Every structure is written in structure tokens, then in C-alpha cells.
Amino acid sequence: MSSGLQDIDLAPVLRRRLTVLGSTGSIGVSTLDVVRFARTRYGADAFPLVALTAQSNVARLAEQAREFRPLLAVIGDATLAPALREALAGTGIEIRAGADAIREAAERPAEMVMAGIVGAAGLEPTYAAVQRGAIVALANKECVVAAGEVSKTVTFTGFVPVSETVAPLQTPLEFHAMPSQSRSS
């Protein structure tokens, strides 16, 4: 008897374009592990990457970009742009640098955005992804906390919590209803 799982058409999901904000941190690395698995199992075209971003880890970002072939690689620390350009020379991957470039990566046309940037630094790019209607996988609550009152007014239709610290948030509109002890951690 069939469980029905093999009858599910995953093609629409596997075609979703993905941006990973904070790809060199633990959340980003785990996200790319899932992409690697999907590509091994379902083909090299699974989850095409639009952008990978990192603050300062040029070596890991370059390694990830060579493996996963995003259209764009962004390093937050603009002084490291020459090193990233050198590491990705000849790959055809667009290189950008600075905080504005991270926000612009979130604004690019990816259906899904993994928001793995820690703390308030993740607020602006996450908000940019939300504003354009992306499905945002949120790995930490810091950017919602940093948003304060703004988080109560944002229409956030594509929110996917990916950790136990964010799971109590069904939408940022409900953030204010969380128990106070959860907000302090």
C-alpha cells in the first residue's frame, strides 16, 4: 500500500528561488546543507540560489558560492570586496559589498528568503524581503524584537519559523502577545 508521499509533486517547491541572508553562520550553513541534499536527491536545479550574503567570512562565502552558484554573492564588510572578487574571479557570479547590498540581495526576486543574520543587523534586509512578499524563513527573533512597534503593523503573510525561539511567533503581528520571559532571551 502506498503512503502517498511518492505521489506528491515536489517540482513547484524545488523550483522556488532562494536567497540566504547570513549564509556563513550556523543557520545559513544548515540551510545550504538542505539545498545540497535536495540537489543530490532531486537534481542540480533544485532551489536555485539568487543570493548568498555574509558579513565578513570571505573564504566560506566564496566556497559556498563556488559550490551553489548563486547569481549574487554579497559581503557586508565593504573592505573585503576585493578579496571576494579575487576568490570568485571567472565564476560569473555578481559580487556586491556593504549593508545596502545585503538589503538589495533581499529585494531580488527569490520566492524564499532565509533570514539568518543575527540581531538588529538582520532587520532591514528581512523587512525588505517581507515588503516584496517573499516567504521568509526566520531563524531568530532578534530582528522582530529590534523592529519594535513596526513589527505589529507589518503584513507578514509568508512567515516560516525555523527555530524554537521563533516558533511562538505565528506572525510578527502576534509578537506583542508572547510571554515576557520569551522576549528577554
Protein backbone atom coordinates (compact mmCIF):
# COMPACT_ATOMS: atom_id res chain seq x y z
CA MET A 1 0.00 0.00 0.00
CA SER A 2 1.32 3.42 -0.96
CA SER A 3 1.80 6.08 1.71
CA GLY A 4 1.02 8.73 -0.89
CA LEU A 5 4.29 10.57 -0.31
CA GLN A 6 5.78 9.38 -3.54
CA ASP A 7 2.76 10.80 -5.35
CA ILE A 8 3.46 14.37 -4.21
CA ASP A 9 4.71 16.64 -6.98
CA LEU A 10 7.66 18.47 -5.45
CA ALA A 11 8.60 20.29 -8.65
CA PRO A 12 6.87 23.58 -7.72
CA VAL A 13 8.69 23.63 -4.36
CA LEU A 14 12.07 22.63 -5.79
CA ARG A 15 11.84 25.42 -8.40
CA ARG A 16 11.49 28.12 -5.76
CA ARG A 17 14.38 30.55 -5.88
CA LEU A 18 16.19 31.09 -2.60
CA THR A 19 18.27 33.84 -1.02
CA VAL A 20 20.24 33.08 2.14
CA LEU A 21 20.96 36.08 4.33
CA GLY A 22 23.84 35.11 6.61
CA SER A 23 24.95 32.05 4.67
CA THR A 24 28.21 31.55 6.57
CA GLY A 25 26.61 31.32 10.03
CA SER A 26 25.15 28.18 11.50
CA ILE A 27 21.63 28.81 10.13
CA GLY A 28 22.98 29.58 6.66
CA VAL A 29 25.24 26.54 6.64
CA SER A 30 22.33 24.32 7.73
CA THR A 31 20.13 25.83 5.03
CA LEU A 32 22.73 25.10 2.38
CA ASP A 33 23.04 21.53 3.71
CA VAL A 34 19.32 21.12 2.93
CA VAL A 35 19.85 22.61 -0.54
CA ARG A 36 22.78 20.23 -1.12
CA PHE A 37 20.62 17.26 -0.08
CA ALA A 38 17.76 18.37 -2.34
CA ARG A 39 20.13 18.78 -5.27
CA THR A 40 21.65 15.37 -4.68
CA ARG A 41 18.25 13.72 -4.45
CA TYR A 42 16.18 15.74 -6.95
CA GLY A 43 18.72 17.25 -9.34
CA ALA A 44 21.17 20.12 -9.62
CA ASP A 45 18.41 22.61 -10.39
CA ALA A 46 16.66 22.22 -7.01
CA PHE A 47 16.33 25.50 -5.13
CA PRO A 48 18.17 27.85 -7.49
CA LEU A 49 20.05 30.40 -5.43
CA VAL A 50 19.56 34.09 -6.12
CA ALA A 51 21.94 35.41 -3.47
CA LEU A 52 24.21 34.44 -0.60
CA THR A 53 25.29 37.06 1.94
CA ALA A 54 27.83 37.16 4.75
CA GLN A 55 29.27 39.89 6.92
CA SER A 56 32.97 39.05 6.91
CA ASN A 57 33.78 35.39 6.22
CA VAL A 58 35.08 35.74 2.66
CA ALA A 59 36.63 32.28 2.50
CA ARG A 60 33.43 30.45 3.46
CA LEU A 61 31.22 32.70 1.30
CA ALA A 62 33.47 32.12 -1.72
CA GLU A 63 33.45 28.36 -1.09
CA GLN A 64 29.66 28.36 -0.84
CA ALA A 65 29.29 30.49 -3.96
CA ARG A 66 31.53 28.19 -6.00
CA GLU A 67 29.51 25.15 -4.89
CA PHE A 68 25.97 26.55 -5.04
CA ARG A 69 26.37 29.07 -7.90
CA PRO A 70 24.13 31.93 -6.75
CA LEU A 71 23.60 34.82 -9.13
CA LEU A 72 24.93 37.19 -6.45
CA ALA A 73 27.39 36.99 -3.55
CA VAL A 74 27.43 39.86 -1.04
CA ILE A 75 29.96 40.63 1.65
CA GLY A 76 28.70 43.07 4.28
CA ASP A 77 32.13 44.47 5.14
CA ALA A 78 32.88 46.54 2.04
CA THR A 79 36.63 46.50 2.76
CA LEU A 80 36.57 42.75 1.98
CA ALA A 81 35.07 43.14 -1.50
CA PRO A 82 38.43 42.89 -3.31
CA ALA A 83 39.15 39.56 -1.59
CA LEU A 84 35.73 38.21 -2.58
CA ARG A 85 36.18 39.42 -6.17
CA GLU A 86 39.54 37.66 -6.33
CA ALA A 87 38.16 34.44 -4.80
CA LEU A 88 35.27 34.34 -7.30
CA ALA A 89 37.12 35.61 -10.37
CA GLY A 90 35.97 33.87 -13.53
CA THR A 91 32.83 32.35 -11.99
CA GLY A 92 30.37 34.84 -13.48
CA ILE A 93 28.85 35.42 -10.04
CA GLU A 94 27.97 39.06 -9.41
CA ILE A 95 29.83 40.50 -6.41
CA ARG A 96 28.46 43.31 -4.22
CA ALA A 97 29.50 44.71 -0.86
CA GLY A 98 28.13 46.72 2.04
CA ALA A 99 24.94 46.91 4.07
CA ASP A 100 22.94 48.37 1.17
CA ALA A 101 23.98 45.43 -0.98
CA ILE A 102 22.70 42.97 1.64
CA ARG A 103 19.33 44.73 1.63
CA GLU A 104 19.33 44.74 -2.18
CA ALA A 105 20.03 40.98 -2.14
CA ALA A 106 16.85 40.54 -0.07
CA GLU A 107 14.96 42.63 -2.63
CA ARG A 108 15.95 40.39 -5.54
CA PRO A 109 13.30 38.06 -6.98
CA ALA A 110 13.59 34.96 -4.81
CA GLU A 111 10.38 33.31 -3.64
CA MET A 112 12.04 32.29 -0.36
CA VAL A 113 14.47 34.16 1.88
CA MET A 114 16.23 32.51 4.80
CA ALA A 115 16.85 35.30 7.31
CA GLY A 116 19.81 34.04 9.29
CA ILE A 117 21.51 37.35 10.09
CA VAL A 118 21.90 37.73 13.84
CA GLY A 119 20.47 40.65 15.75
CA ALA A 120 19.35 44.05 14.55
CA ALA A 121 21.61 43.79 11.50
CA GLY A 122 19.04 41.42 10.02
CA LEU A 123 16.15 43.86 10.38
CA GLU A 124 16.49 45.91 7.21
CA PRO A 125 17.08 43.05 4.75
CA THR A 126 14.39 40.91 6.39
CA TYR A 127 11.93 43.79 6.21
CA ALA A 128 12.82 44.30 2.52
CA ALA A 129 12.02 40.64 1.80
CA VAL A 130 8.74 40.89 3.71
CA GLN A 131 7.74 44.06 1.88
CA ARG A 132 8.08 42.42 -1.52
CA GLY A 133 6.06 39.38 -0.46
CA ALA A 134 8.75 36.72 -0.15
CA ILE A 135 8.29 33.65 2.02
CA VAL A 136 10.66 34.49 4.88
CA ALA A 137 12.13 31.73 6.99
CA LEU A 138 13.11 33.42 10.24
CA ALA A 139 15.73 31.74 12.37
CA ASN A 140 15.92 34.22 15.22
CA LYS A 141 13.60 36.67 16.88
CA GLU A 142 16.13 39.48 17.30
CA CYS A 143 15.11 41.33 14.17
CA VAL A 144 11.45 41.19 15.24
CA VAL A 145 12.41 42.47 18.69
CA ALA A 146 14.52 45.22 17.12
CA ALA A 147 11.62 46.22 14.90
CA GLY A 148 9.56 47.04 17.97
CA GLU A 149 6.24 48.68 17.13
CA VAL A 150 6.83 48.28 13.38
CA SER A 151 6.54 44.50 13.78
CA LYS A 152 2.95 44.94 14.97
CA THR A 153 1.86 46.71 11.79
CA VAL A 154 3.62 44.74 9.06
CA THR A 155 1.60 42.41 6.87
CA PHE A 156 3.76 39.31 7.03
CA THR A 157 1.99 36.63 5.05
CA GLY A 158 4.91 34.35 4.30
CA PHE A 159 6.48 33.80 7.72
CA VAL A 160 8.07 30.42 8.44
CA PRO A 161 9.63 29.99 11.90
CA VAL A 162 12.66 27.69 11.76
CA SER A 163 13.72 27.52 15.41
CA GLU A 164 12.10 27.04 18.77
CA THR A 165 12.85 30.65 19.72
CA VAL A 166 10.78 31.92 16.80
CA ALA A 167 8.07 29.24 16.72
CA PRO A 168 5.81 31.07 19.20
CA LEU A 169 5.52 33.85 16.63
CA GLN A 170 2.79 32.86 14.22
CA THR A 171 3.20 36.26 12.61
CA PRO A 172 5.04 39.37 13.78
CA LEU A 173 1.58 40.78 14.45
CA GLU A 174 1.35 38.36 17.34
CA PHE A 175 4.79 39.17 18.71
CA HIS A 176 3.36 41.50 21.33
CA ALA A 177 1.33 38.60 22.75
CA MET A 178 4.38 36.47 23.60
CA PRO A 179 5.10 35.91 27.29
CA SER A 180 7.58 38.50 28.57
CA GLN A 181 10.18 35.93 29.61
CA SER A 182 10.37 34.74 25.97
CA ARG A 183 11.08 38.27 24.77
CA SER A 184 14.07 38.70 27.03
CA SER A 185 16.01 35.70 25.76
